[in-house]
């Protein structure tokens, strides 16, 4: 397969922030950009969410998720709550799935 070069111009600050993320994932910038382009080509869509709140790109849980997180935290902090080992939890999940 033949390859081609493509140059882009971007602000230094954007480059630095993005390249730091690539580095955390152990990716060279060219690898990260190829991943993005392959995803676009394979899915025929842009793999981005444009649903930001006040410019924040982090995930903002909906009301149901927030409530579930609050309940899980309360349960975790409850000293009388039932505790399970990993094996016990897996066994319970198997039993529920088989029911």
PDB file of N, CA and C in Angstrom:
ATOM      1  N   UNK A   1       0.851  -1.172   0.000  1.00  0.00           N
ATOM      2  CA  UNK A   1       0.000   0.000   0.000  1.00  0.00           C
ATOM      3  C   UNK A   1       0.898   1.237   0.000  1.00  0.00           C
ATOM      4  N   UNK A   2       0.599   2.162  -0.868  1.00  0.00           N
ATOM      5  CA  UNK A   2       1.388   3.391  -0.911  1.00  0.00           C
ATOM      6  C   UNK A   2       0.950   4.325   0.207  1.00  0.00           C
ATOM      7  N   UNK A   3       1.867   5.148   0.631  1.00  0.00           N
ATOM      8  CA  UNK A   3       1.566   6.110   1.696  1.00  0.00           C
ATOM      9  C   UNK A   3       1.668   7.517   1.144  1.00  0.00           C
ATOM     10  N   UNK A   4       1.123   8.452   1.893  1.00  0.00           N
ATOM     11  CA  UNK A   4       1.171   9.850   1.509  1.00  0.00           C
ATOM     12  C   UNK A   4       1.425  10.690   2.746  1.00  0.00           C
ATOM     13  N   UNK A   5       1.952  11.864   2.553  1.00  0.00           N
ATOM     14  CA  UNK A   5       2.178  12.797   3.657  1.00  0.00           C
ATOM     15  C   UNK A   5       1.087  13.849   3.661  1.00  0.00           C
ATOM     16  N   UNK A   6       0.748  14.306   4.863  1.00  0.00           N
ATOM     17  CA  UNK A   6      -0.233  15.364   5.018  1.00  0.00           C
ATOM     18  C   UNK A   6       0.225  16.224   6.177  1.00  0.00           C
ATOM     19  N   UNK A   7       0.381  17.506   5.945  1.00  0.00           N
ATOM     20  CA  UNK A   7       0.831  18.431   6.987  1.00  0.00           C
ATOM     21  C   UNK A   7      -0.333  19.266   7.488  1.00  0.00           C
ATOM     22  N   UNK A   8      -0.339  19.541   8.796  1.00  0.00           N
ATOM     23  CA  UNK A   8      -1.366  20.413   9.366  1.00  0.00           C
ATOM     24  C   UNK A   8      -0.694  21.485  10.213  1.00  0.00           C
ATOM     25  N   UNK A   9      -1.369  22.606  10.333  1.00  0.00           N
ATOM     26  CA  UNK A   9      -0.904  23.682  11.208  1.00  0.00           C
ATOM     27  C   UNK A   9      -1.836  23.745  12.405  1.00  0.00           C
ATOM     28  N   UNK A  10      -1.256  23.845  13.587  1.00  0.00           N
ATOM     29  CA  UNK A  10      -2.049  23.991  14.788  1.00  0.00           C
ATOM     30  C   UNK A  10      -1.269  24.775  15.827  1.00  0.00           C
ATOM     31  N   UNK A  11      -2.008  25.293  16.793  1.00  0.00           N
ATOM     32  CA  UNK A  11      -1.387  26.092  17.834  1.00  0.00           C
ATOM     33  C   UNK A  11      -0.477  25.209  18.684  1.00  0.00           C
ATOM     34  N   UNK A  12       0.637  25.768  19.131  1.00  0.00           N
ATOM     35  CA  UNK A  12       1.607  25.035  19.941  1.00  0.00           C
ATOM     36  C   UNK A  12       0.962  24.468  21.207  1.00  0.00           C
ATOM     37  N   UNK A  13       0.113  25.265  21.847  1.00  0.00           N
ATOM     38  CA  UNK A  13      -0.522  24.835  23.098  1.00  0.00           C
ATOM     39  C   UNK A  13      -1.430  23.625  22.859  1.00  0.00           C
ATOM     40  N   UNK A  14      -2.181  23.622  21.767  1.00  0.00           N
ATOM     41  CA  UNK A  14      -3.029  22.482  21.422  1.00  0.00           C
ATOM     42  C   UNK A  14      -2.171  21.256  21.140  1.00  0.00           C
ATOM     43  N   UNK A  15      -1.113  21.441  20.380  1.00  0.00           N
ATOM     44  CA  UNK A  15      -0.190  20.348  20.072  1.00  0.00           C
ATOM     45  C   UNK A  15       0.355  19.739  21.351  1.00  0.00           C
ATOM     46  N   UNK A  16       0.820  20.573  22.269  1.00  0.00           N
ATOM     47  CA  UNK A  16       1.419  20.086  23.510  1.00  0.00           C
ATOM     48  C   UNK A  16       0.413  19.301  24.347  1.00  0.00           C
ATOM     49  N   UNK A  17      -0.810  19.827  24.455  1.00  0.00           N
ATOM     50  CA  UNK A  17      -1.839  19.139  25.250  1.00  0.00           C
ATOM     51  C   UNK A  17      -2.198  17.790  24.631  1.00  0.00           C
ATOM     52  N   UNK A  18      -2.383  17.775  23.316  1.00  0.00           N
ATOM     53  CA  UNK A  18      -2.769  16.536  22.631  1.00  0.00           C
ATOM     54  C   UNK A  18      -1.641  15.504  22.668  1.00  0.00           C
ATOM     55  N   UNK A  19      -0.422  15.941  22.411  1.00  0.00           N
ATOM     56  CA  UNK A  19       0.699  15.011  22.398  1.00  0.00           C
ATOM     57  C   UNK A  19       0.936  14.415  23.782  1.00  0.00           C
ATOM     58  N   UNK A  20       0.638  15.162  24.836  1.00  0.00           N
ATOM     59  CA  UNK A  20       0.769  14.631  26.195  1.00  0.00           C
ATOM     60  C   UNK A  20      -0.204  13.469  26.407  1.00  0.00           C
ATOM     61  N   UNK A  21      -1.403  13.588  25.857  1.00  0.00           N
ATOM     62  CA  UNK A  21      -2.384  12.499  25.959  1.00  0.00           C
ATOM     63  C   UNK A  21      -1.894  11.291  25.173  1.00  0.00           C
ATOM     64  N   UNK A  22      -1.417  11.514  23.958  1.00  0.00           N
ATOM     65  CA  UNK A  22      -0.887  10.408  23.154  1.00  0.00           C
ATOM     66  C   UNK A  22       0.207   9.677  23.926  1.00  0.00           C
ATOM     67  N   UNK A  23       1.081  10.435  24.547  1.00  0.00           N
ATOM     68  CA  UNK A  23       2.201   9.851  25.294  1.00  0.00           C
ATOM     69  C   UNK A  23       1.695   8.996  26.455  1.00  0.00           C
ATOM     70  N   UNK A  24       0.666   9.474  27.152  1.00  0.00           N
ATOM     71  CA  UNK A  24       0.107   8.690  28.268  1.00  0.00           C
ATOM     72  C   UNK A  24      -0.426   7.345  27.784  1.00  0.00           C
ATOM     73  N   UNK A  25      -0.904   7.304  26.555  1.00  0.00           N
ATOM     74  CA  UNK A  25      -1.397   6.056  25.981  1.00  0.00           C
ATOM     75  C   UNK A  25      -0.289   5.252  25.294  1.00  0.00           C
ATOM     76  N   UNK A  26       0.917   5.773  25.305  1.00  0.00           N
ATOM     77  CA  UNK A  26       2.025   5.076  24.672  1.00  0.00           C
ATOM     78  C   UNK A  26       1.981   5.122  23.160  1.00  0.00           C
ATOM     79  N   UNK A  27       1.361   6.160  22.608  1.00  0.00           N
ATOM     80  CA  UNK A  27       1.215   6.285  21.157  1.00  0.00           C
ATOM     81  C   UNK A  27       2.074   7.413  20.614  1.00  0.00           C
ATOM     82  N   UNK A  28       2.649   7.172  19.466  1.00  0.00           N
ATOM     83  CA  UNK A  28       3.275   8.263  18.728  1.00  0.00           C
ATOM     84  C   UNK A  28       2.141   9.095  18.127  1.00  0.00           C
ATOM     85  N   UNK A  29       2.348  10.388  17.917  1.00  0.00           N
ATOM     86  CA  UNK A  29       1.296  11.206  17.315  1.00  0.00           C
ATOM     87  C   UNK A  29       0.776  10.625  15.996  1.00  0.00           C
ATOM     88  N   UNK A  30       1.663  10.117  15.168  1.00  0.00           N
ATOM     89  CA  UNK A  30       1.215   9.551  13.891  1.00  0.00           C
ATOM     90  C   UNK A  30       0.317   8.336  14.109  1.00  0.00           C
ATOM     91  N   UNK A  31       0.609   7.521  15.132  1.00  0.00           N
ATOM     92  CA  UNK A  31      -0.239   6.369  15.433  1.00  0.00           C
ATOM     93  C   UNK A  31      -1.631   6.820  15.873  1.00  0.00           C
ATOM     94  N   UNK A  32      -1.678   7.828  16.736  1.00  0.00           N
ATOM     95  CA  UNK A  32      -2.962   8.323  17.237  1.00  0.00           C
ATOM     96  C   UNK A  32      -3.806   8.891  16.100  1.00  0.00           C
ATOM     97  N   UNK A  33      -3.180   9.624  15.221  1.00  0.00           N
ATOM     98  CA  UNK A  33      -3.914  10.219  14.101  1.00  0.00           C
ATOM     99  C   UNK A  33      -4.383   9.132  13.135  1.00  0.00           C
ATOM    100  N   UNK A  34      -3.557   8.105  12.911  1.00  0.00           N
ATOM    101  CA  UNK A  34      -3.978   6.984  12.062  1.00  0.00           C
ATOM    102  C   UNK A  34      -5.164   6.252  12.684  1.00  0.00           C
ATOM    103  N   UNK A  35      -5.145   6.075  14.007  1.00  0.00           N
ATOM    104  CA  UNK A  35      -6.286   5.444  14.681  1.00  0.00           C
ATOM    105  C   UNK A  35      -7.562   6.237  14.432  1.00  0.00           C
ATOM    106  N   UNK A  36      -7.460   7.553  14.582  1.00  0.00           N
ATOM    107  CA  UNK A  36      -8.612   8.424  14.355  1.00  0.00           C
ATOM    108  C   UNK A  36      -9.103   8.292  12.913  1.00  0.00           C
ATOM    109  N   UNK A  37      -8.205   8.385  11.945  1.00  0.00           N
ATOM    110  CA  UNK A  37      -8.594   8.312  10.537  1.00  0.00           C
ATOM    111  C   UNK A  37      -9.184   6.947  10.182  1.00  0.00           C
ATOM    112  N   UNK A  38      -8.614   5.872  10.730  1.00  0.00           N
ATOM    113  CA  UNK A  38      -9.178   4.539  10.489  1.00  0.00           C
ATOM    114  C   UNK A  38     -10.588   4.429  11.047  1.00  0.00           C
ATOM    115  N   UNK A  39     -10.810   4.988  12.232  1.00  0.00           N
ATOM    116  CA  UNK A  39     -12.148   4.950  12.829  1.00  0.00           C
ATOM    117  C   UNK A  39     -13.146   5.718  11.963  1.00  0.00           C
ATOM    118  N   UNK A  40     -12.746   6.872  11.464  1.00  0.00           N
ATOM    119  CA  UNK A  40     -13.614   7.661  10.585  1.00  0.00           C
ATOM    120  C   UNK A  40     -13.935   6.863   9.322  1.00  0.00           C
ATOM    121  N   UNK A  41     -12.914   6.289   8.697  1.00  0.00           N
ATOM    122  CA  UNK A  41     -13.117   5.541   7.457  1.00  0.00           C
ATOM    123  C   UNK A  41     -13.972   4.296   7.684  1.00  0.00           C
ATOM    124  N   UNK A  42     -13.727   3.574   8.782  1.00  0.00           N
ATOM    125  CA  UNK A  42     -14.454   2.331   9.048  1.00  0.00           C
ATOM    126  C   UNK A  42     -15.912   2.563   9.424  1.00  0.00           C
ATOM    127  N   UNK A  43     -16.181   3.632  10.171  1.00  0.00           N
ATOM    128  CA  UNK A  43     -17.543   3.867  10.664  1.00  0.00           C
ATOM    129  C   UNK A  43     -18.308   4.893   9.847  1.00  0.00           C
ATOM    130  N   UNK A  44     -17.598   5.590   8.945  1.00  0.00           N
ATOM    131  CA  UNK A  44     -18.210   6.654   8.156  1.00  0.00           C
ATOM    132  C   UNK A  44     -18.845   7.719   9.052  1.00  0.00           C
ATOM    133  N   UNK A  45     -18.209   7.945  10.198  1.00  0.00           N
ATOM    134  CA  UNK A  45     -18.674   8.980  11.124  1.00  0.00           C
ATOM    135  C   UNK A  45     -17.478   9.530  11.895  1.00  0.00           C
ATOM    136  N   UNK A  46     -17.682  10.668  12.515  1.00  0.00           N
ATOM    137  CA  UNK A  46     -16.637  11.297  13.323  1.00  0.00           C
ATOM    138  C   UNK A  46     -16.773  10.759  14.751  1.00  0.00           C
ATOM    139  N   UNK A  47     -15.754  10.103  15.293  1.00  0.00           N
ATOM    140  CA  UNK A  47     -15.867   9.495  16.623  1.00  0.00           C
ATOM    141  C   UNK A  47     -15.667  10.502  17.757  1.00  0.00           C
ATOM    142  N   UNK A  48     -16.466  11.537  17.744  1.00  0.00           N
ATOM    143  CA  UNK A  48     -16.371  12.580  18.762  1.00  0.00           C
ATOM    144  C   UNK A  48     -17.758  12.912  19.275  1.00  0.00           C
ATOM    145  N   UNK A  49     -17.816  13.399  20.489  1.00  0.00           N
ATOM    146  CA  UNK A  49     -19.064  13.903  21.036  1.00  0.00           C
ATOM    147  C   UNK A  49     -18.989  15.420  21.044  1.00  0.00           C
ATOM    148  N   UNK A  50     -19.984  16.045  20.463  1.00  0.00           N
ATOM    149  CA  UNK A  50     -20.035  17.500  20.451  1.00  0.00           C
ATOM    150  C   UNK A  50     -21.023  18.005  21.492  1.00  0.00           C
ATOM    151  N   UNK A  51     -21.371  17.149  22.439  1.00  0.00           N
ATOM    152  CA  UNK A  51     -22.334  17.487  23.474  1.00  0.00           C
ATOM    153  C   UNK A  51     -21.587  17.886  24.746  1.00  0.00           C
ATOM    154  N   UNK A  52     -20.982  19.056  24.729  1.00  0.00           N
ATOM    155  CA  UNK A  52     -20.207  19.545  25.868  1.00  0.00           C
ATOM    156  C   UNK A  52     -21.082  20.446  26.728  1.00  0.00           C
ATOM    157  N   UNK A  53     -20.803  20.476  27.996  1.00  0.00           N
ATOM    158  CA  UNK A  53     -21.477  21.392  28.916  1.00  0.00           C
ATOM    159  C   UNK A  53     -20.451  22.415  29.369  1.00  0.00           C
ATOM    160  N   UNK A  54     -20.677  23.663  29.021  1.00  0.00           N
ATOM    161  CA  UNK A  54     -19.798  24.770  29.429  1.00  0.00           C
ATOM    162  C   UNK A  54     -18.348  24.509  29.039  1.00  0.00           C
ATOM    163  N   UNK A  55     -18.148  23.882  27.884  1.00  0.00           N
ATOM    164  CA  UNK A  55     -16.790  23.668  27.400  1.00  0.00           C
ATOM    165  C   UNK A  55     -16.052  22.528  28.068  1.00  0.00           C
ATOM    166  N   UNK A  56     -16.713  21.783  28.949  1.00  0.00           N
ATOM    167  CA  UNK A  56     -16.059  20.667  29.628  1.00  0.00           C
ATOM    168  C   UNK A  56     -16.248  19.408  28.801  1.00  0.00           C
ATOM    169  N   UNK A  57     -15.154  18.738  28.487  1.00  0.00           N
ATOM    170  CA  UNK A  57     -15.222  17.544  27.661  1.00  0.00           C
ATOM    171  C   UNK A  57     -15.373  16.273  28.496  1.00  0.00           C
ATOM    172  N   UNK A  58     -15.331  16.376  29.818  1.00  0.00           N
ATOM    173  CA  UNK A  58     -15.431  15.185  30.652  1.00  0.00           C
ATOM    174  C   UNK A  58     -16.864  14.666  30.673  1.00  0.00           C
ATOM    175  N   UNK A  59     -17.016  13.425  31.068  1.00  0.00           N
ATOM    176  CA  UNK A  59     -18.343  12.817  31.126  1.00  0.00           C
ATOM    177  C   UNK A  59     -19.129  13.404  32.287  1.00  0.00           C
ATOM    178  N   UNK A  60     -20.364  13.760  32.021  1.00  0.00           N
ATOM    179  CA  UNK A  60     -21.255  14.271  33.057  1.00  0.00           C
ATOM    180  C   UNK A  60     -22.386  13.257  33.189  1.00  0.00           C
ATOM    181  N   UNK A  61     -22.461  12.542  34.321  1.00  0.00           N
ATOM    182  CA  UNK A  61     -23.481  11.507  34.450  1.00  0.00           C
ATOM    183  C   UNK A  61     -24.892  12.080  34.495  1.00  0.00           C
ATOM    184  N   UNK A  62     -25.838  11.317  33.947  1.00  0.00           N
ATOM    185  CA  UNK A  62     -27.238  11.748  33.992  1.00  0.00           C
ATOM    186  C   UNK A  62     -27.804  11.476  35.385  1.00  0.00           C
ATOM    187  N   UNK A  63     -29.065  11.833  35.603  1.00  0.00           N
ATOM    188  CA  UNK A  63     -29.682  11.726  36.930  1.00  0.00           C
ATOM    189  C   UNK A  63     -29.710  10.283  37.432  1.00  0.00           C
ATOM    190  N   UNK A  64     -29.995   9.329  36.555  1.00  0.00           N
ATOM    191  CA  UNK A  64     -30.058   7.923  36.964  1.00  0.00           C
ATOM    192  C   UNK A  64     -28.681   7.440  37.414  1.00  0.00           C
ATOM    193  N   UNK A  65     -27.653   7.780  36.646  1.00  0.00           N
ATOM    194  CA  UNK A  65     -26.296   7.375  36.996  1.00  0.00           C
ATOM    195  C   UNK A  65     -25.845   8.043  38.286  1.00  0.00           C
ATOM    196  N   UNK A  66     -26.143   9.330  38.437  1.00  0.00           N
ATOM    197  CA  UNK A  66     -25.775  10.032  39.678  1.00  0.00           C
ATOM    198  C   UNK A  66     -26.417   9.367  40.888  1.00  0.00           C
ATOM    199  N   UNK A  67     -27.703   9.024  40.768  1.00  0.00           N
ATOM    200  CA  UNK A  67     -28.402   8.369  41.878  1.00  0.00           C
ATOM    201  C   UNK A  67     -27.770   7.018  42.188  1.00  0.00           C
ATOM    202  N   UNK A  68     -27.441   6.242  41.162  1.00  0.00           N
ATOM    203  CA  UNK A  68     -26.808   4.937  41.373  1.00  0.00           C
ATOM    204  C   UNK A  68     -25.454   5.094  42.048  1.00  0.00           C
ATOM    205  N   UNK A  69     -24.687   6.104  41.654  1.00  0.00           N
ATOM    206  CA  UNK A  69     -23.388   6.352  42.285  1.00  0.00           C
ATOM    207  C   UNK A  69     -23.546   6.734  43.750  1.00  0.00           C
ATOM    208  N   UNK A  70     -24.529   7.574  44.041  1.00  0.00           N
ATOM    209  CA  UNK A  70     -24.776   7.966  45.433  1.00  0.00           C
ATOM    210  C   UNK A  70     -25.184   6.760  46.279  1.00  0.00           C
ATOM    211  N   UNK A  71     -26.039   5.902  45.731  1.00  0.00           N
ATOM    212  CA  UNK A  71     -26.460   4.706  46.458  1.00  0.00           C
ATOM    213  C   UNK A  71     -25.286   3.756  46.683  1.00  0.00           C
ATOM    214  N   UNK A  72     -24.445   3.587  45.672  1.00  0.00           N
ATOM    215  CA  UNK A  72     -23.280   2.713  45.812  1.00  0.00           C
ATOM    216  C   UNK A  72     -22.318   3.252  46.867  1.00  0.00           C
ATOM    217  N   UNK A  73     -22.121   4.561  46.874  1.00  0.00           N
ATOM    218  CA  UNK A  73     -21.231   5.161  47.866  1.00  0.00           C
ATOM    219  C   UNK A  73     -21.792   4.985  49.271  1.00  0.00           C
ATOM    220  N   UNK A  74     -23.096   5.198  49.438  1.00  0.00           N
ATOM    221  CA  UNK A  74     -23.724   5.027  50.750  1.00  0.00           C
ATOM    222  C   UNK A  74     -23.598   3.580  51.215  1.00  0.00           C
ATOM    223  N   UNK A  75     -23.797   2.644  50.305  1.00  0.00           N
ATOM    224  CA  UNK A  75     -23.674   1.223  50.640  1.00  0.00           C
ATOM    225  C   UNK A  75     -22.240   0.885  51.033  1.00  0.00           C
ATOM    226  N   UNK A  76     -21.285   1.451  50.326  1.00  0.00           N
ATOM    227  CA  UNK A  76     -19.873   1.201  50.617  1.00  0.00           C
ATOM    228  C   UNK A  76     -19.494   1.732  51.996  1.00  0.00           C
ATOM    229  N   UNK A  77     -20.081   2.853  52.392  1.00  0.00           N
ATOM    230  CA  UNK A  77     -19.751   3.472  53.672  1.00  0.00           C
ATOM    231  C   UNK A  77     -20.539   2.872  54.831  1.00  0.00           C
ATOM    232  N   UNK A  78     -21.511   2.016  54.538  1.00  0.00           N
ATOM    233  CA  UNK A  78     -22.334   1.392  55.570  1.00  0.00           C
ATOM    234  C   UNK A  78     -21.557   0.235  56.202  1.00  0.00           C
ATOM    235  N   UNK A  79     -21.203   0.345  57.496  1.00  0.00           N
ATOM    236  CA  UNK A  79     -20.396  -0.710  58.121  1.00  0.00           C
ATOM    237  C   UNK A  79     -21.145  -2.032  58.284  1.00  0.00           C
ATOM    238  N   UNK A  80     -22.474  -2.016  58.219  1.00  0.00           N
ATOM    239  CA  UNK A  80     -23.240  -3.256  58.378  1.00  0.00           C
ATOM    240  C   UNK A  80     -23.645  -3.871  57.040  1.00  0.00           C
ATOM    241  N   UNK A  81     -23.202  -3.298  55.952  1.00  0.00           N
ATOM    242  CA  UNK A  81     -23.561  -3.817  54.627  1.00  0.00           C
ATOM    243  C   UNK A  81     -22.938  -5.189  54.401  1.00  0.00           C
ATOM    244  N   UNK A  82     -23.652  -6.023  53.664  1.00  0.00           N
ATOM    245  CA  UNK A  82     -23.151  -7.347  53.321  1.00  0.00           C
ATOM    246  C   UNK A  82     -21.921  -7.201  52.429  1.00  0.00           C
ATOM    247  N   UNK A  83     -20.876  -7.938  52.732  1.00  0.00           N
ATOM    248  CA  UNK A  83     -19.643  -7.907  51.941  1.00  0.00           C
ATOM    249  C   UNK A  83     -19.457  -9.265  51.275  1.00  0.00           C
ATOM    250  N   UNK A  84     -18.934  -9.243  50.052  1.00  0.00           N
ATOM    251  CA  UNK A  84     -18.703 -10.464  49.303  1.00  0.00           C
ATOM    252  C   UNK A  84     -17.272 -10.488  48.794  1.00  0.00           C
ATOM    253  N   UNK A  85     -16.704 -11.699  48.746  1.00  0.00           N
ATOM    254  CA  UNK A  85     -15.429 -11.855  48.060  1.00  0.00           C
ATOM    255  C   UNK A  85     -15.719 -11.836  46.561  1.00  0.00           C
ATOM    256  N   UNK A  86     -14.688 -11.718  45.768  1.00  0.00           N
ATOM    257  CA  UNK A  86     -14.865 -11.733  44.319  1.00  0.00           C
ATOM    258  C   UNK A  86     -15.526 -13.035  43.878  1.00  0.00           C
ATOM    259  N   UNK A  87     -15.064 -14.144  44.439  1.00  0.00           N
ATOM    260  CA  UNK A  87     -15.620 -15.441  44.066  1.00  0.00           C
ATOM    261  C   UNK A  87     -17.100 -15.527  44.428  1.00  0.00           C
ATOM    262  N   UNK A  88     -17.460 -15.031  45.622  1.00  0.00           N
ATOM    263  CA  UNK A  88     -18.865 -15.047  46.033  1.00  0.00           C
ATOM    264  C   UNK A  88     -19.725 -14.182  45.112  1.00  0.00           C
ATOM    265  N   UNK A  89     -19.217 -13.021  44.759  1.00  0.00           N
ATOM    266  CA  UNK A  89     -19.962 -12.121  43.874  1.00  0.00           C
ATOM    267  C   UNK A  89     -20.160 -12.759  42.501  1.00  0.00           C
ATOM    268  N   UNK A  90     -19.113 -13.393  41.977  1.00  0.00           N
ATOM    269  CA  UNK A  90     -19.232 -14.065  40.678  1.00  0.00           C
ATOM    270  C   UNK A  90     -20.248 -15.201  40.740  1.00  0.00           C
ATOM    271  N   UNK A  91     -20.230 -15.961  41.829  1.00  0.00           N
ATOM    272  CA  UNK A  91     -21.185 -17.056  41.983  1.00  0.00           C
ATOM    273  C   UNK A  91     -22.616 -16.525  42.030  1.00  0.00           C
ATOM    274  N   UNK A  92     -22.839 -15.442  42.776  1.00  0.00           N
ATOM    275  CA  UNK A  92     -24.172 -14.838  42.833  1.00  0.00           C
ATOM    276  C   UNK A  92     -24.627 -14.365  41.455  1.00  0.00           C
ATOM    277  N   UNK A  93     -23.716 -13.767  40.688  1.00  0.00           N
ATOM    278  CA  UNK A  93     -24.073 -13.303  39.342  1.00  0.00           C
ATOM    279  C   UNK A  93     -24.421 -14.482  38.437  1.00  0.00           C
ATOM    280  N   UNK A  94     -23.678 -15.595  38.587  1.00  0.00           N
ATOM    281  CA  UNK A  94     -23.991 -16.790  37.791  1.00  0.00           C
ATOM    282  C   UNK A  94     -25.387 -17.311  38.134  1.00  0.00           C
ATOM    283  N   UNK A  95     -25.683 -17.337  39.431  1.00  0.00           N
ATOM    284  CA  UNK A  95     -26.994 -17.821  39.868  1.00  0.00           C
ATOM    285  C   UNK A  95     -28.113 -16.932  39.331  1.00  0.00           C
ATOM    286  N   UNK A  96     -27.900 -15.630  39.350  1.00  0.00           N
ATOM    287  CA  UNK A  96     -28.905 -14.702  38.825  1.00  0.00           C
ATOM    288  C   UNK A  96     -29.075 -14.905  37.323  1.00  0.00           C
ATOM    289  N   UNK A  97     -27.959 -15.085  36.618  1.00  0.00           N
ATOM    290  CA  UNK A  97     -28.011 -15.267  35.163  1.00  0.00           C
ATOM    291  C   UNK A  97     -28.703 -16.575  34.792  1.00  0.00           C
ATOM    292  N   UNK A  98     -28.537 -17.599  35.629  1.00  0.00           N
ATOM    293  CA  UNK A  98     -29.139 -18.905  35.347  1.00  0.00           C
ATOM    294  C   UNK A  98     -30.607 -18.977  35.739  1.00  0.00           C
ATOM    295  N   UNK A  99     -31.060 -18.021  36.530  1.00  0.00           N
ATOM    296  CA  UNK A  99     -32.451 -18.064  37.032  1.00  0.00           C
ATOM    297  C   UNK A  99     -33.449 -17.775  35.936  1.00  0.00           C
TER     298      UNK A  99
END
